[in-house]
């Protein structure tokens, strides 16, 4: 009996499976034969770029470095950096010792970084502040009065790859002795009494080379050299650092350049007007605007199946890696509008649209000529636009964060557009369709 029951069950299972397989099994293949699928690449989609300016200020008093220098070119104008610093008090026992004698005092500046031309002499001047610095937040637009005549000045060769070398200016003996005497007599005992005697310094660059130099505030300042008057004549020194109150100022002057046309946030300057290039300069609040004006009208290939990949390739206008002017490490894409606002909705990147809209500067170290780029994977977003499931929106390309360091604020990149001969922008589409 059990045998008949199993036989009946097997017969029933076979009938069900046969019923499930009835019909034409090649219906799907009659639409697009898998053996006839091909991958097509398209890089002729129009992409328009322009430069915009979004005026804003940022805090520089929170940075660990001081910034001095300038950068000038015919397209973006001149960016000038100067810094202001109070001298912080350093604990000492000068007032309790009578056997100490002053040797000298110097303004000491320790390198943090050098960005740009390191082959030309860097002309640096030190100016006395005309009033004390207050304890407050200082911005890139802040300033403090100082003597126009340099108190100290010298030209040096920047040292971008050495943090052991430093710049020293010998302070005139009269100021050095007066400072030492007031320490010894107990008239200077803290930061307040010190700033009353010497409010601080401003550092200016007087060079024409495109160079920015950063100095570490905590290890820069006034250094006293002194010795004991006993038989040993022991030599010592003490640093009064620029670590109390300090900030850096960044001034941008676009007079006489194409970018002088950018008067407000809503203004746009086509890359056609700037030698087929656009710019990203965080410290000058310059962004590149990117538009796909005809993507909504994109004609899909016959028997179009799907978009496999969409890569936006932006190439820096850069000759070689030895310019000591590394472009920003990362850039970000933002949705924008006619006012060039940064919208809160994130640009969906990657295949699934969930990847952060950031990219990193890359280059091929094995290439004979420099091959470098920023690449964004816009597969999901472009695919949705092609399917008419998303509307096309303009994009802004710029700094990915507002908490940049001073070194990152002065980094810049010039990007070629689609008409640029050597550094051509591309939107690369890879699609599957029937042959």
Protein backbone atom coordinates (compact mmCIF):
# COMPACT_ATOMS: atom_id res chain seq x y z
CA UNK A 1 0.00 0.00 0.00
CA UNK A 2 2.81 2.35 0.96
CA UNK A 3 4.50 1.65 -2.38
CA UNK A 4 1.39 2.78 -4.31
CA UNK A 5 1.23 5.90 -2.17
CA UNK A 6 4.84 6.89 -3.04
CA UNK A 7 4.26 6.15 -6.71
CA UNK A 8 1.21 8.40 -6.75
CA UNK A 9 3.14 11.18 -5.07
CA UNK A 10 5.94 11.01 -7.64
CA UNK A 11 3.40 11.06 -10.50
CA UNK A 12 1.70 14.13 -9.05
CA UNK A 13 5.03 15.93 -8.62
CA UNK A 14 5.97 15.24 -12.22
CA UNK A 15 2.64 16.63 -13.47
CA UNK A 16 3.13 19.83 -11.46
CA UNK A 17 6.67 20.33 -12.77
CA UNK A 18 5.50 19.72 -16.34
CA UNK A 19 2.70 22.24 -15.89
CA UNK A 20 5.19 24.83 -14.58
CA UNK A 21 7.37 24.40 -17.66
CA UNK A 22 4.58 24.58 -20.21
CA UNK A 23 4.65 27.45 -22.67
CA UNK A 24 7.49 29.07 -24.65
CA UNK A 25 10.69 29.01 -22.59
CA UNK A 26 12.37 31.47 -25.01
CA UNK A 27 10.00 34.41 -24.53
CA UNK A 28 12.60 36.49 -22.61
CA UNK A 29 15.29 35.64 -25.10
CA UNK A 30 13.09 36.73 -28.00
CA UNK A 31 13.37 40.30 -26.69
CA UNK A 32 17.18 40.40 -26.38
CA UNK A 33 19.21 37.30 -27.02
CA UNK A 34 21.85 37.05 -24.26
CA UNK A 35 24.38 36.03 -26.88
CA UNK A 36 23.69 39.25 -28.78
CA UNK A 37 24.19 41.64 -25.83
CA UNK A 38 27.02 44.15 -26.30
CA UNK A 39 28.64 46.80 -24.12
CA UNK A 40 28.70 50.25 -25.67
CA UNK A 41 30.74 53.20 -24.41
CA UNK A 42 29.64 56.79 -24.94
CA UNK A 43 31.65 59.88 -23.99
CA UNK A 44 29.91 62.50 -26.11
CA UNK A 45 27.35 63.67 -23.54
CA UNK A 46 27.62 67.45 -23.21
CA UNK A 47 28.94 68.67 -19.87
CA UNK A 48 29.19 72.39 -19.17
CA UNK A 49 31.43 73.80 -16.45
CA UNK A 50 31.83 77.24 -14.95
CA UNK A 51 33.37 78.91 -11.92
CA UNK A 52 31.27 80.40 -9.13
CA UNK A 53 32.15 82.20 -5.92
CA UNK A 54 30.31 81.60 -2.67
CA UNK A 55 31.52 84.39 -0.32
CA UNK A 56 32.04 83.13 3.21
CA UNK A 57 34.45 83.43 6.12
CA UNK A 58 36.11 80.77 8.22
CA UNK A 59 37.89 80.67 11.58
CA UNK A 60 41.70 80.63 11.41
CA UNK A 61 42.49 81.17 15.11
CA UNK A 62 41.77 77.50 15.78
CA UNK A 63 44.48 76.22 13.46
CA UNK A 64 47.77 74.93 14.86
CA UNK A 65 49.78 76.86 12.26
CA UNK A 66 50.49 80.40 11.14
CA UNK A 67 50.28 81.16 7.41
CA UNK A 68 52.30 83.63 5.32
CA UNK A 69 52.64 83.95 1.54
CA UNK A 70 50.97 84.82 -1.72
CA UNK A 71 49.72 83.24 -4.95
CA UNK A 72 48.96 85.11 -8.13
CA UNK A 73 47.81 84.14 -11.61
CA UNK A 74 46.07 85.89 -14.47
CA UNK A 75 42.84 83.91 -14.09
CA UNK A 76 42.04 83.84 -10.36
CA UNK A 77 43.91 86.95 -9.18
CA UNK A 78 46.06 87.25 -6.06
CA UNK A 79 45.64 85.54 -2.71
CA UNK A 80 47.73 87.05 0.11
CA UNK A 81 48.23 85.52 3.55
CA UNK A 82 49.65 87.21 6.63
CA UNK A 83 49.49 86.23 10.28
CA UNK A 84 49.22 87.93 13.66
CA UNK A 85 50.47 86.48 16.94
CA UNK A 86 50.78 87.45 20.58
CA UNK A 87 53.75 86.17 22.58
CA UNK A 88 52.72 83.76 25.31
CA UNK A 89 54.32 83.76 28.74
CA UNK A 90 56.69 80.93 29.66
CA UNK A 91 57.25 79.96 33.28
CA UNK A 92 60.72 80.93 34.55
CA UNK A 93 62.72 81.78 37.67
CA UNK A 94 64.52 84.86 36.38
CA UNK A 95 63.19 87.05 39.21
CA UNK A 96 64.72 84.82 41.89
CA UNK A 97 68.18 84.47 40.35
CA UNK A 98 70.82 87.19 40.31
CA UNK A 99 73.52 85.35 38.39
CA UNK A 100 71.90 85.35 34.95
CA UNK A 101 73.02 87.43 31.98
CA UNK A 102 71.37 87.89 28.58
CA UNK A 103 73.17 86.74 25.45
CA UNK A 104 70.58 87.48 22.74
CA UNK A 105 66.95 87.15 21.74
CA UNK A 106 65.53 85.97 18.41
CA UNK A 107 62.16 85.61 16.71
CA UNK A 108 62.13 81.91 15.85
CA UNK A 109 59.84 80.36 13.23
CA UNK A 110 59.60 76.59 12.78
CA UNK A 111 58.35 75.16 9.49
CA UNK A 112 55.07 73.26 9.33
CA UNK A 113 54.77 73.13 5.53
CA UNK A 114 55.66 74.88 2.28
CA UNK A 115 53.15 74.92 -0.58
CA UNK A 116 54.25 76.11 -4.01
CA UNK A 117 57.57 77.48 -5.25
CA UNK A 118 60.41 76.40 -2.97
CA UNK A 119 63.22 77.40 -5.35
CA UNK A 120 62.79 81.19 -5.11
CA UNK A 121 63.82 83.28 -2.10
CA UNK A 122 61.04 83.99 0.37
CA UNK A 123 61.13 87.60 1.63
CA UNK A 124 59.64 87.68 5.13
CA UNK A 125 59.15 90.71 7.37
CA UNK A 126 58.19 91.01 11.04
CA UNK A 127 56.12 93.99 12.20
CA UNK A 128 55.18 95.11 15.71
CA UNK A 129 51.47 95.08 16.52
CA UNK A 130 50.04 98.46 17.50
CA UNK A 131 47.62 96.99 20.05
CA UNK A 132 47.05 93.84 22.04
CA UNK A 133 45.14 90.88 20.64
CA UNK A 134 41.89 90.07 22.40
CA UNK A 135 40.80 86.58 23.39
CA UNK A 136 38.18 85.83 20.73
CA UNK A 137 37.60 83.94 17.50
CA UNK A 138 39.48 85.38 14.52
CA UNK A 139 38.56 84.74 10.89
CA UNK A 140 40.30 84.84 7.54
CA UNK A 141 38.83 88.34 7.14
CA UNK A 142 40.04 89.63 10.55
CA UNK A 143 42.88 92.13 10.91
CA UNK A 144 44.81 94.05 13.58
CA UNK A 145 46.83 97.24 13.25
CA UNK A 146 50.61 96.98 12.96
CA UNK A 147 53.58 99.19 12.10
CA UNK A 148 53.95 99.47 8.34
CA UNK A 149 57.75 99.65 8.65
CA UNK A 150 59.26 96.18 9.15
CA UNK A 151 60.91 95.68 12.52
CA UNK A 152 62.82 92.66 11.22
CA UNK A 153 63.28 91.36 7.68
CA UNK A 154 65.20 88.70 5.79
CA UNK A 155 65.05 86.51 2.69
CA UNK A 156 65.30 82.75 3.09
CA UNK A 157 65.13 79.59 1.01
CA UNK A 158 61.95 77.71 2.02
CA UNK A 159 62.52 74.21 3.36
CA UNK A 160 59.47 72.12 2.37
CA UNK A 161 60.91 68.73 3.31
CA UNK A 162 62.60 69.64 6.58
CA UNK A 163 60.99 70.37 9.91
CA UNK A 164 64.30 70.65 11.77
CA UNK A 165 65.36 73.86 10.07
CA UNK A 166 63.96 77.15 11.25
CA UNK A 167 64.05 80.84 10.46
CA UNK A 168 65.57 83.16 13.06
CA UNK A 169 65.57 86.96 13.23
CA UNK A 170 67.88 88.51 15.81
CA UNK A 171 65.98 91.07 17.88
CA UNK A 172 67.77 94.40 18.49
CA UNK A 173 69.67 94.40 21.76
CA UNK A 174 67.71 97.27 23.33
CA UNK A 175 64.37 95.41 23.16
CA UNK A 176 65.98 92.12 24.18
CA UNK A 177 67.65 93.67 27.24
CA UNK A 178 64.49 95.53 28.25
CA UNK A 179 62.47 92.32 28.06
CA UNK A 180 65.05 90.41 30.09
CA UNK A 181 65.24 93.16 32.73
CA UNK A 182 61.46 93.20 33.20
CA UNK A 183 61.44 89.43 33.61
CA UNK A 184 64.26 89.64 36.14
CA UNK A 185 62.60 92.45 38.11
CA UNK A 186 59.24 90.68 38.24
CA UNK A 187 57.41 93.29 36.10
CA UNK A 188 56.46 90.62 33.53
CA UNK A 189 54.89 87.65 35.29
CA UNK A 190 52.12 86.42 32.98
CA UNK A 191 50.59 86.74 29.50
CA UNK A 192 48.78 89.97 30.43
CA UNK A 193 51.87 91.86 31.61
CA UNK A 194 53.83 90.46 28.67
CA UNK A 195 51.31 91.70 26.08
CA UNK A 196 51.32 95.09 27.82
CA UNK A 197 55.05 95.31 27.18
CA UNK A 198 55.00 93.70 23.71
CA UNK A 199 51.56 93.21 22.06
CA UNK A 200 52.91 90.81 19.45
CA UNK A 201 53.93 90.63 15.81
CA UNK A 202 52.52 90.51 12.29
CA UNK A 203 54.33 88.43 9.65
CA UNK A 204 54.23 89.56 6.03
CA UNK A 205 55.46 88.10 2.75
CA UNK A 206 57.09 90.54 0.31
CA UNK A 207 57.94 88.03 -2.45
CA UNK A 208 56.40 87.68 -5.89
CA UNK A 209 56.80 83.90 -6.10
CA UNK A 210 53.76 81.65 -5.67
CA UNK A 211 54.57 80.32 -2.21
CA UNK A 212 52.71 79.76 1.04
CA UNK A 213 54.66 78.90 4.19
CA UNK A 214 53.13 77.52 7.37
CA UNK A 215 54.83 77.87 10.75
CA UNK A 216 53.97 75.84 13.85
CA UNK A 217 52.63 78.26 16.47
CA UNK A 218 53.54 76.14 19.50
CA UNK A 219 57.23 75.90 18.57
CA UNK A 220 57.64 79.42 17.15
CA UNK A 221 58.01 82.62 19.15
CA UNK A 222 60.62 84.64 21.06
CA UNK A 223 63.64 82.69 22.28
CA UNK A 224 65.93 84.09 24.97
CA UNK A 225 69.54 82.94 25.14
CA UNK A 226 71.29 83.54 28.46
CA UNK A 227 74.03 82.21 30.73
CA UNK A 228 75.02 82.08 34.37
CA UNK A 229 77.82 84.32 35.68
CA UNK A 230 79.41 81.65 37.87
CA UNK A 231 82.57 79.78 36.94
CA UNK A 232 80.70 77.25 34.78
CA UNK A 233 78.96 79.96 32.70
CA UNK A 234 76.17 77.50 31.90
CA UNK A 235 74.24 78.49 28.77
CA UNK A 236 70.46 78.09 28.53
CA UNK A 237 67.55 79.28 26.46
CA UNK A 238 63.80 79.68 26.87
CA UNK A 239 61.02 79.94 24.28
CA UNK A 240 58.06 82.30 24.72
CA UNK A 241 55.79 80.74 22.07
CA UNK A 242 53.12 82.12 19.74
CA UNK A 243 50.65 79.68 21.26
CA UNK A 244 48.35 82.07 23.11
CA UNK A 245 46.39 84.21 20.65
CA UNK A 246 47.12 84.08 16.93
CA UNK A 247 45.36 83.92 13.56
CA UNK A 248 45.98 84.14 9.82
CA UNK A 249 44.36 86.48 7.33
CA UNK A 250 43.58 85.58 3.71
CA UNK A 251 42.88 88.37 1.22
CA UNK A 252 41.71 87.72 -2.36
CA UNK A 253 42.02 90.34 -5.08
CA UNK A 254 40.50 89.45 -8.47
CA UNK A 255 40.86 92.93 -9.98
CA UNK A 256 41.66 92.80 -13.70
CA UNK A 257 40.97 89.07 -14.04
CA UNK A 258 38.05 87.27 -15.72
CA UNK A 259 36.84 86.21 -12.25
CA UNK A 260 36.31 89.86 -11.31
CA UNK A 261 32.92 89.36 -13.01
CA UNK A 262 31.85 87.26 -10.02
CA UNK A 263 30.21 89.88 -7.82
CA UNK A 264 27.62 87.76 -6.01
CA UNK A 265 26.92 84.15 -5.15
CA UNK A 266 24.50 83.76 -8.07
CA UNK A 267 27.03 84.84 -10.71
CA UNK A 268 28.46 82.21 -13.07
CA UNK A 269 31.54 82.47 -15.30
CA UNK A 270 31.73 79.90 -18.10
CA UNK A 271 34.94 77.91 -18.42
CA UNK A 272 35.02 79.09 -22.04
CA UNK A 273 35.95 82.54 -20.63
CA UNK A 274 38.93 81.22 -18.67
CA UNK A 275 40.90 79.25 -21.27
CA UNK A 276 38.60 76.23 -21.10
CA UNK A 277 39.22 75.77 -17.39
CA UNK A 278 37.34 76.15 -14.13
CA UNK A 279 38.64 76.39 -10.58
CA UNK A 280 38.29 75.03 -7.07
CA UNK A 281 40.09 77.19 -4.49
CA UNK A 282 38.73 76.69 -0.95
CA UNK A 283 40.47 79.77 0.49
CA UNK A 284 39.01 81.98 -2.26
CA UNK A 285 35.56 80.37 -1.98
CA UNK A 286 35.74 79.26 -5.64
CA UNK A 287 33.72 76.25 -6.79
CA UNK A 288 33.24 74.55 -10.16
CA UNK A 289 29.64 74.32 -11.33
CA UNK A 290 28.81 71.26 -13.47
CA UNK A 291 25.72 70.93 -15.70
CA UNK A 292 24.39 68.28 -18.08
CA UNK A 293 22.08 70.45 -20.22
CA UNK A 294 20.87 67.78 -22.65
CA UNK A 295 20.90 64.63 -20.54
CA UNK A 296 17.10 64.71 -20.17
CA UNK A 297 16.93 64.34 -23.96
CA UNK A 298 19.46 61.51 -24.08
CA UNK A 299 18.52 59.05 -26.83
CA UNK A 300 19.07 55.52 -25.61
CA UNK A 301 20.61 53.03 -28.09
CA UNK A 302 18.26 50.65 -29.86
CA UNK A 303 17.43 47.63 -27.68
CA UNK A 304 18.88 49.46 -24.65
CA UNK A 305 19.06 47.15 -21.61
CA UNK A 306 20.73 49.07 -18.80
CA UNK A 307 23.47 51.49 -17.76
CA UNK A 308 26.47 49.60 -16.42
CA UNK A 309 28.65 52.52 -15.41
CA UNK A 310 28.74 56.32 -15.53
CA UNK A 311 32.04 57.93 -14.56
CA UNK A 312 32.63 61.68 -14.42
CA UNK A 313 36.35 62.29 -15.03
CA UNK A 314 37.81 65.69 -14.12
CA UNK A 315 41.45 66.28 -15.02
CA UNK A 316 43.64 68.87 -13.27
CA UNK A 317 45.71 71.19 -15.43
CA UNK A 318 49.07 70.17 -14.00
CA UNK A 319 52.38 69.50 -15.75
CA UNK A 320 54.21 67.28 -13.27
CA UNK A 321 54.37 66.13 -9.66
CA UNK A 322 57.42 68.24 -8.83
CA UNK A 323 55.61 71.56 -8.53
CA UNK A 324 55.19 71.22 -4.72
CA UNK A 325 51.61 72.38 -5.28
CA UNK A 326 49.53 69.29 -4.60
CA UNK A 327 45.84 69.85 -5.44
CA UNK A 328 43.17 69.11 -2.81
CA UNK A 329 43.32 65.50 -1.64
CA UNK A 330 39.52 65.18 -1.82
CA UNK A 331 36.69 66.94 -3.61
CA UNK A 332 32.95 66.60 -3.11
CA UNK A 333 29.86 66.99 -5.30
CA UNK A 334 26.79 68.87 -4.10
CA UNK A 335 23.40 69.51 -5.67
CA UNK A 336 22.86 73.22 -6.30
CA UNK A 337 20.35 75.71 -7.75
CA UNK A 338 20.31 79.02 -9.63
CA UNK A 339 21.67 80.79 -6.55
CA UNK A 340 24.58 78.35 -6.25
CA UNK A 341 23.38 77.23 -2.84
CA UNK A 342 24.65 73.93 -1.48
CA UNK A 343 21.52 71.82 -1.11
CA UNK A 344 21.05 69.37 1.73
CA UNK A 345 20.14 66.41 -0.50
CA UNK A 346 23.21 64.28 -1.11
CA UNK A 347 24.24 63.41 -4.66
CA UNK A 348 23.58 59.64 -5.03
CA UNK A 349 26.82 58.08 -6.19
CA UNK A 350 27.98 54.55 -6.85
CA UNK A 351 25.99 51.74 -8.43
CA UNK A 352 23.38 51.70 -5.68
CA UNK A 353 23.29 55.45 -5.04
CA UNK A 354 24.40 55.06 -1.43
CA UNK A 355 28.08 55.97 -1.71
CA UNK A 356 29.30 59.27 -0.27
CA UNK A 357 29.79 61.86 -3.06
CA UNK A 358 33.51 62.22 -2.36
CA UNK A 359 36.49 61.37 -4.51
CA UNK A 360 40.25 61.36 -4.03
CA UNK A 361 42.92 62.84 -6.27
CA UNK A 362 44.77 60.01 -8.02
CA UNK A 363 47.64 59.72 -10.46
CA UNK A 364 49.52 56.95 -12.25
CA UNK A 365 53.09 56.83 -10.87
CA UNK A 366 54.25 54.67 -13.79
CA UNK A 367 53.06 56.98 -16.57
CA UNK A 368 55.70 58.77 -18.65
CA UNK A 369 53.55 61.89 -18.80
CA UNK A 370 51.38 62.85 -15.86
CA UNK A 371 48.01 61.08 -15.81
CA UNK A 372 45.93 62.35 -12.92
CA UNK A 373 42.22 62.85 -12.27
CA UNK A 374 39.29 63.11 -9.92
CA UNK A 375 36.70 60.44 -10.76
CA UNK A 376 33.09 60.28 -9.55
CA UNK A 377 30.92 57.20 -9.99
CA UNK A 378 27.53 58.64 -11.02
CA UNK A 379 26.08 55.33 -12.25
CA UNK A 380 22.94 55.35 -10.13
CA UNK A 381 22.13 59.04 -10.61
CA UNK A 382 22.72 59.15 -14.37
CA UNK A 383 20.85 55.86 -14.76
CA UNK A 384 17.80 57.27 -12.98
CA UNK A 385 17.88 60.37 -15.21
CA UNK A 386 18.10 58.26 -18.37
CA UNK A 387 15.13 56.19 -17.16
CA UNK A 388 13.22 59.46 -16.53
CA UNK A 389 12.96 58.57 -12.83
CA UNK A 390 15.02 61.55 -11.63
CA UNK A 391 15.37 65.11 -12.83
CA UNK A 392 18.74 66.46 -13.81
CA UNK A 393 20.18 69.08 -11.47
CA UNK A 394 23.33 71.23 -11.60
CA UNK A 395 26.20 70.21 -9.33
CA UNK A 396 28.85 72.09 -7.39
CA UNK A 397 32.35 70.71 -7.02
CA UNK A 398 34.27 71.93 -4.00
CA UNK A 399 35.85 71.26 -0.65
CA UNK A 400 34.24 68.36 1.24
CA UNK A 401 34.34 69.98 4.68
CA UNK A 402 34.34 73.35 6.39
CA UNK A 403 36.96 72.25 8.93
CA UNK A 404 39.94 72.47 6.62
CA UNK A 405 43.44 73.25 7.89
CA UNK A 406 45.24 76.33 6.60
CA UNK A 407 47.30 74.17 4.28
CA UNK A 408 44.13 72.78 2.72
CA UNK A 409 42.53 76.21 2.43
CA UNK A 410 45.34 77.43 0.15
CA UNK A 411 45.43 74.33 -2.04
CA UNK A 412 43.84 74.81 -5.45
CA UNK A 413 43.08 72.97 -8.63
CA UNK A 414 42.44 74.11 -12.19
CA UNK A 415 40.23 71.70 -14.15
CA UNK A 416 39.91 71.32 -17.90
CA UNK A 417 36.51 71.35 -19.62
CA UNK A 418 35.39 69.28 -22.63
CA UNK A 419 37.12 71.67 -25.02
CA UNK A 420 40.45 71.60 -23.18
CA UNK A 421 43.09 70.04 -25.44
CA UNK A 422 45.27 68.29 -22.86
CA UNK A 423 43.06 67.84 -19.79
CA UNK A 424 39.64 67.06 -21.21
CA UNK A 425 36.63 66.50 -18.97
CA UNK A 426 34.60 63.37 -19.76
CA UNK A 427 31.33 61.77 -18.76
CA UNK A 428 31.95 58.12 -19.65
CA UNK A 429 28.83 55.97 -20.08
CA UNK A 430 28.99 52.18 -20.43
CA UNK A 431 25.68 50.62 -21.51
CA UNK A 432 24.37 47.16 -22.33
CA UNK A 433 22.14 46.80 -25.40
CA UNK A 434 21.27 44.32 -28.11
CA UNK A 435 23.40 44.10 -31.23
